[in-house]
Amino acid sequence: MDPSVLDNPLWYSLTGEHAALARRSGDALWYGDAYAPFVAVASPAAHVADDPRLVGRRYFLGVAPAVLPERWIPAPVDAGHAVPDTLQLVRPLDAPDLETEETVSVLGNEHRERMRALTSLVYPEFFREHSAALGTYVGVLQESRLIAMAGERMAVPGAREISAVCTHPEFAGRGLARALLVALVNRHRAQGLVSFLHVSAGNEGATRLYEKLGFVHRATLTLTAVDIAKSH
């Protein structure tokens, strides 16, 4: 894997594995609202054309354009959404093997409604109606109830991002997040893929868990938010 693709993972996702989902506005590529609120450019010099289909809050990760369309207003990235400094952690393929937990199940279309219900509690900003179509999602089910989940989002050549790691508040502290992470990491290793993820700077609890599982800090990327007003 060329590690430089991780400097701009959204761009390489939208020009690669997720190219069929990409929409274009000038030099910018973006996901439809139902998939993810992200926009990507190849470099800060990119020209972003105004597009009436783009409204609401959108995010760039790592690389953002120096000049924005008039409707695009820079927005603070605060605790209500995320923080601007985002730690990118990577788990090398030569890291030690991890023992998979048997409690983890692969989630399918029949679980979509339960996935949305869970993420609405703990991950509402970035998980959308069709986010689960971006990759494989795994979860922990208690009878018919989904109590924890995680899955794949960005997909760059040679690596997959782990995202939407969340546990229902009633079941926190039981090691469910660890079990989900292990299942995805092992799945990636079997496919010869590097696992990576992003965590807000300051989220020390999550960072400690990731480090215990062999993830190492690779870079700190800036999450840039913009609010896009409706065109008249």
Foldseek 3Di string as FASTA:
>chain_A
DPVVCVLFLVVQQCVPVVVVQWDAFQQKTDGQPQAWQEIGHPAQCGDGHDDLSDAFKHKGKNHHHPDDPPLWAWDADDPVAFHFKKWKWWFDLPPDADDADPQKDWDDPVCQVLLQVQCVVPPPHTNGSCNCVQFIKMFGDDPPHTFWIWTWHGDHVQATEIDPGDGHPVPPPPCRSVNRVSVVCVVQSVVRHMYMYMDGPPPVVVVVSVVVVRIDTDDIMTMIMIGGHRDD
